[in-house]
């Protein structure tokens, strides 16, 4: 069984010190499910597994009992070259994603050449009732639609998301901070107009001020826009 072989290999690659460190970074994950395999090792292994004819068996067996299995699952998906196959795998997997690391590290290469199809799927993800599905959708919008494929309707879509979930609001803040660095003139009115909730507004400014892509003058002005509680 390929799933058993994968689990055996993950435990072979285990780094106990890294496991103990990693557990502190992913508080939503049961620490007993963390094997402790370093990310470069997972990426390398995923590139081997994606070529295995039986890998679909592993991708179909959800939920996985171990965090590292979710990680390798995300990295395998990221290597799938066929867009439709990749998208299907993402849609199948997202409901089982339960932490920011697996969510943020899943970055399918196939998406880059299929942005016109991807944008409608992103809209659906951002409307989900699942925290990490929403977060993934925002992340994909940030990754693929802040440069030549940018549209002013996209930040509007994100600004209208309202959630009590920390991991959604943090991604919204990250999106607007990155957008300020790339599309400053279009994004600034969202900050000036206080169109985000207070916490997300202030966090977006904080992350922007920490960025090397924002000029000193822009940083000073953004600081003046912070909302005092």
Foldseek 3Di string as FASTA:
>chain_A
DVLVVVVVVLLVQADVVQLVVVCVVWVQDDSVQERHHDPVVLLVVLVVLLPDPCSVVLLQDPDDSHPSSLQSLLSNLQEDQDPVVSVVSCVNNQVNDGTDVSLLPRHRPNCQVVVVVVLVVLLVQCPDPDQSSNLSSLNVCLVHALAPNDDLVVLVSLLPDDDPDPSNLLSNLVSLLSSCLRPVVSSVCCLQVVSHPQVSSQSNLVSNLVDPSADPVRNVVSVVSHDDD
